[in-house]
Amino acid sequence: MLYVPDGVPPVIKSTVARLDRTLPQPGEILVRQGGRVEPDDIVARGQKHNPPYMINLAQALALPPDQAARAVVAPIGQPVNAGAVLARRRGLLSRRVLSPVNGILYAVDPATGYAILQPEPQQITVTAGIRGIVMEIIDQQRVVIETPAAQIFGIASLGN
């Protein structure tokens, strides 16, 4: 026999589900409130900013921190490509430091010998994921989609 607490049926056939589709930061919303969407429709587009890389040039080049800034060959404040030479130590035991990502070399701290490399922002698209109607657009960051659904109540258990 099926146990139904509080007389709530285990399946509610005609209900409405609301799904939030969210960007990590405000971006461009590509749909309008009241518009219909399909699961594969792109509803929002934006950028995700990754944290900066801290690269220990002094250690990588085996130089004192105050000399690491002089070994930098990439232009400060300009874009650099992944694999480009950031700094080079010349001489008998030459060494070089390559950029791990595309980004902008912001600064080199002469006190520590660290370089700060800000990666390029990552482009992000958000799809609707369901067929429905756009009910709300919030702060150029969130899209709320409503769709007809069935709600199933149950308990799942694994183990003892």
Foldseek 3Di string as FASTA:
>chain_A
DDDDPPPDDQKDQWDKDKDKWFDPDFFAADDDAFDWFAQAAWGTKDWAWDAKDKAQQCVQFVHQLLCLQVQADDDAFDWDAFQCWGGWDDDPPIGTDTHNHTFGFHDADSNRNITITTHDIDMDIIGPNHTFGFHDDPPSTMTMGMDTGMHGDDDDDDDD
